[in-house]
Amino acid sequence: VQLQASGGGLVEAGGSLRLSCAASGLTFSRYTTGWFRQTPGLEREFVGGVSRNGYTHYADSMKGRFTISRDNAKNVVYLQMNILRPEDTAVYSCAALNSFYVSLQAYDYDYWGQGTQVTVSS
């Protein structure tokens, strides 16, 4: 199983980015997919997730700004990030969990992809 996050980059505050998470060896519609982010010196932080039945859950600070969607035909999960703030700067990673539920805990996830850097300038 391999997961790969992409789509990161440099954006000004208030801007938008869409991250993608592609998988091989795993079908996203059969897994819960989570997005996490991490900055140096800090623990990995839950961003949001989508369950296998399409239920989405977000961290409070992302609600209303971030949206997770899934394209089953392409086997890709997206993280649309709007109204970005400098404090959103981090490495964003996707992960898959063999469960019906979205877990907020990174240690619950079975598979992880390499992250993509998001930098928001002020």
C-alpha atoms as a PDB file:
ATOM      1  CA  VAL A   1       0.000   0.000   0.000  1.00  0.00           C
ATOM      2  CA  GLN A   2       1.230   3.447  -0.885  1.00  0.00           C
ATOM      3  CA  LEU A   3      -0.338   6.810  -0.246  1.00  0.00           C
ATOM      4  CA  GLN A   4       0.962   9.994  -1.760  1.00  0.00           C
ATOM      5  CA  ALA A   5      -0.091  13.510  -0.864  1.00  0.00           C
ATOM      6  CA  SER A   6       0.491  16.299  -3.351  1.00  0.00           C
ATOM      7  CA  GLY A   7      -0.598  19.817  -4.150  1.00  0.00           C
ATOM      8  CA  GLY A   8       1.235  21.770  -1.498  1.00  0.00           C
ATOM      9  CA  GLY A   9       3.010  25.009  -2.132  1.00  0.00           C
ATOM     10  CA  LEU A  10       3.389  28.622  -1.181  1.00  0.00           C
ATOM     11  CA  VAL A  11       0.266  30.760  -0.936  1.00  0.00           C
ATOM     12  CA  GLU A  12      -0.566  34.138   0.517  1.00  0.00           C
ATOM     13  CA  ALA A  13      -2.808  34.470   3.527  1.00  0.00           C
ATOM     14  CA  GLY A  14      -6.433  34.327   2.458  1.00  0.00           C
ATOM     15  CA  GLY A  15      -5.629  32.120  -0.481  1.00  0.00           C
ATOM     16  CA  SER A  16      -6.581  28.539  -1.295  1.00  0.00           C
ATOM     17  CA  LEU A  17      -4.923  25.244  -2.057  1.00  0.00           C
ATOM     18  CA  ARG A  18      -6.240  21.822  -2.890  1.00  0.00           C
ATOM     19  CA  LEU A  19      -4.289  18.830  -1.731  1.00  0.00           C
ATOM     20  CA  SER A  20      -4.704  15.391  -3.225  1.00  0.00           C
ATOM     21  CA  CYS A  21      -4.080  11.986  -1.720  1.00  0.00           C
ATOM     22  CA  ALA A  22      -3.689   9.141  -4.172  1.00  0.00           C
ATOM     23  CA  ALA A  23      -3.446   5.496  -3.221  1.00  0.00           C
ATOM     24  CA  SER A  24      -2.162   2.309  -4.725  1.00  0.00           C
ATOM     25  CA  GLY A  25      -2.957  -1.049  -3.223  1.00  0.00           C
ATOM     26  CA  LEU A  26      -5.875   0.392  -1.292  1.00  0.00           C
ATOM     27  CA  THR A  27      -9.398   1.479  -2.195  1.00  0.00           C
ATOM     28  CA  PHE A  28     -10.342   4.653  -0.361  1.00  0.00           C
ATOM     29  CA  SER A  29     -14.050   3.884  -0.385  1.00  0.00           C
ATOM     30  CA  ARG A  30     -13.309   0.917   1.888  1.00  0.00           C
ATOM     31  CA  TYR A  31     -11.253   2.936   4.369  1.00  0.00           C
ATOM     32  CA  THR A  32     -11.518   6.001   6.489  1.00  0.00           C
ATOM     33  CA  THR A  33      -9.061   8.628   5.275  1.00  0.00           C
ATOM     34  CA  GLY A  34      -7.618  11.269   7.515  1.00  0.00           C
ATOM     35  CA  TRP A  35      -5.580  14.394   6.925  1.00  0.00           C
ATOM     36  CA  PHE A  36      -3.024  15.477   9.477  1.00  0.00           C
ATOM     37  CA  ARG A  37      -0.480  18.232   9.630  1.00  0.00           C
ATOM     38  CA  GLN A  38       2.744  18.736  11.475  1.00  0.00           C
ATOM     39  CA  THR A  39       5.117  21.579  12.131  1.00  0.00           C
ATOM     40  CA  PRO A  40       8.645  21.131  13.502  1.00  0.00           C
ATOM     41  CA  GLY A  41       8.678  20.576  17.236  1.00  0.00           C
ATOM     42  CA  LEU A  42       4.958  19.951  17.493  1.00  0.00           C
ATOM     43  CA  GLU A  43       2.862  16.836  17.525  1.00  0.00           C
ATOM     44  CA  ARG A  44       0.942  15.740  14.491  1.00  0.00           C
ATOM     45  CA  GLU A  45      -2.409  17.501  14.417  1.00  0.00           C
ATOM     46  CA  PHE A  46      -5.701  16.134  13.112  1.00  0.00           C
ATOM     47  CA  VAL A  47      -7.120  18.240  10.291  1.00  0.00           C
ATOM     48  CA  GLY A  48     -10.117  16.259   9.156  1.00  0.00           C
ATOM     49  CA  GLY A  49     -11.256  12.958   7.773  1.00  0.00           C
ATOM     50  CA  VAL A  50     -13.815  11.162   5.683  1.00  0.00           C
ATOM     51  CA  SER A  51     -15.218   7.805   6.658  1.00  0.00           C
ATOM     52  CA  ARG A  52     -15.816   4.959   4.273  1.00  0.00           C
ATOM     53  CA  ASN A  53     -19.496   5.896   4.087  1.00  0.00           C
ATOM     54  CA  GLY A  54     -18.684   9.516   3.294  1.00  0.00           C
ATOM     55  CA  TYR A  55     -19.109  11.129   6.698  1.00  0.00           C
ATOM     56  CA  THR A  56     -16.677  14.003   7.214  1.00  0.00           C
ATOM     57  CA  HIS A  57     -15.313  15.385  10.438  1.00  0.00           C
ATOM     58  CA  TYR A  58     -13.034  18.371  10.931  1.00  0.00           C
ATOM     59  CA  ALA A  59     -10.950  19.872  13.643  1.00  0.00           C
ATOM     60  CA  ASP A  60     -12.647  22.963  15.058  1.00  0.00           C
ATOM     61  CA  SER A  61     -10.111  25.401  13.637  1.00  0.00           C
ATOM     62  CA  MET A  62     -10.656  24.034  10.126  1.00  0.00           C
ATOM     63  CA  LYS A  63     -14.444  23.985  10.092  1.00  0.00           C
ATOM     64  CA  GLY A  64     -15.827  26.302   7.467  1.00  0.00           C
ATOM     65  CA  ARG A  65     -12.449  26.695   5.779  1.00  0.00           C
ATOM     66  CA  PHE A  66     -11.405  23.162   4.854  1.00  0.00           C
ATOM     67  CA  THR A  67     -13.413  20.577   2.936  1.00  0.00           C
ATOM     68  CA  ILE A  68     -12.586  16.936   2.356  1.00  0.00           C
ATOM     69  CA  SER A  69     -13.998  15.070  -0.594  1.00  0.00           C
ATOM     70  CA  ARG A  70     -13.393  11.757  -2.252  1.00  0.00           C
ATOM     71  CA  ASP A  71     -13.492  10.698  -5.884  1.00  0.00           C
ATOM     72  CA  ASN A  72     -14.116   6.976  -5.823  1.00  0.00           C
ATOM     73  CA  ALA A  73     -13.615   6.579  -9.550  1.00  0.00           C
ATOM     74  CA  LYS A  74     -10.141   8.085  -9.347  1.00  0.00           C
ATOM     75  CA  ASN A  75      -9.425   6.672  -5.878  1.00  0.00           C
ATOM     76  CA  VAL A  76      -8.310  10.091  -4.679  1.00  0.00           C
ATOM     77  CA  VAL A  77      -9.168  12.058  -1.551  1.00  0.00           C
ATOM     78  CA  TYR A  78      -8.960  15.832  -1.639  1.00  0.00           C
ATOM     79  CA  LEU A  79      -8.429  18.475   0.995  1.00  0.00           C
ATOM     80  CA  GLN A  80      -9.681  21.849  -0.177  1.00  0.00           C
ATOM     81  CA  MET A  81      -8.216  24.581   1.991  1.00  0.00           C
ATOM     82  CA  ASN A  82      -9.645  28.081   1.818  1.00  0.00           C
ATOM     83  CA  ILE A  83      -8.973  31.294   3.708  1.00  0.00           C
ATOM     84  CA  LEU A  84      -5.534  30.036   4.598  1.00  0.00           C
ATOM     85  CA  ARG A  85      -3.696  31.577   7.503  1.00  0.00           C
ATOM     86  CA  PRO A  86       0.029  31.676   8.306  1.00  0.00           C
ATOM     87  CA  GLU A  87      -0.626  29.278  11.186  1.00  0.00           C
ATOM     88  CA  ASP A  88      -1.798  26.692   8.641  1.00  0.00           C
ATOM     89  CA  THR A  89       1.796  26.357   7.499  1.00  0.00           C
ATOM     90  CA  ALA A  90       2.797  22.721   7.979  1.00  0.00           C
ATOM     91  CA  VAL A  91       3.514  19.451   6.273  1.00  0.00           C
ATOM     92  CA  TYR A  92       0.191  17.851   5.437  1.00  0.00           C
ATOM     93  CA  SER A  93      -0.141  14.082   5.244  1.00  0.00           C
ATOM     94  CA  CYS A  94      -2.927  11.687   4.447  1.00  0.00           C
ATOM     95  CA  ALA A  95      -3.527   8.391   6.178  1.00  0.00           C
ATOM     96  CA  ALA A  96      -5.904   5.460   5.875  1.00  0.00           C
ATOM     97  CA  LEU A  97      -7.691   3.581   8.607  1.00  0.00           C
ATOM     98  CA  ASN A  98      -9.559   0.320   8.273  1.00  0.00           C
ATOM     99  CA  SER A  99     -12.589   1.488  10.190  1.00  0.00           C
ATOM    100  CA  PHE A 100     -16.084   2.889   9.707  1.00  0.00           C
ATOM    101  CA  TYR A 101     -15.234   5.877  11.858  1.00  0.00           C
ATOM    102  CA  VAL A 102     -12.988   8.909  11.606  1.00  0.00           C
ATOM    103  CA  SER A 103     -10.363   8.823  14.311  1.00  0.00           C
ATOM    104  CA  LEU A 104      -8.707  11.999  15.536  1.00  0.00           C
ATOM    105  CA  GLN A 105      -5.683  10.028  16.706  1.00  0.00           C
ATOM    106  CA  ALA A 106      -2.763   9.555  14.360  1.00  0.00           C
ATOM    107  CA  TYR A 107      -1.747   6.314  16.035  1.00  0.00           C
ATOM    108  CA  ASP A 108      -5.007   4.673  14.933  1.00  0.00           C
ATOM    109  CA  TYR A 109      -4.172   4.942  11.250  1.00  0.00           C
ATOM    110  CA  ASP A 110      -2.748   1.965   9.419  1.00  0.00           C
ATOM    111  CA  TYR A 111      -1.166   3.544   6.377  1.00  0.00           C
ATOM    112  CA  TRP A 112       0.560   6.859   5.839  1.00  0.00           C
ATOM    113  CA  GLY A 113       1.768   8.766   2.858  1.00  0.00           C
ATOM    114  CA  GLN A 114       4.611  11.199   2.537  1.00  0.00           C
ATOM    115  CA  GLY A 115       3.487  14.693   3.277  1.00  0.00           C
ATOM    116  CA  THR A 116       3.344  17.806   1.199  1.00  0.00           C
ATOM    117  CA  GLN A 117       4.530  21.174   2.430  1.00  0.00           C
ATOM    118  CA  VAL A 118       2.047  24.021   2.693  1.00  0.00           C
ATOM    119  CA  THR A 119       3.454  27.458   3.412  1.00  0.00           C
ATOM    120  CA  VAL A 120       1.173  30.426   3.966  1.00  0.00           C
ATOM    121  CA  SER A 121       2.818  33.837   3.878  1.00  0.00           C
ATOM    122  CA  SER A 122       1.445  36.804   5.761  1.00  0.00           C
END
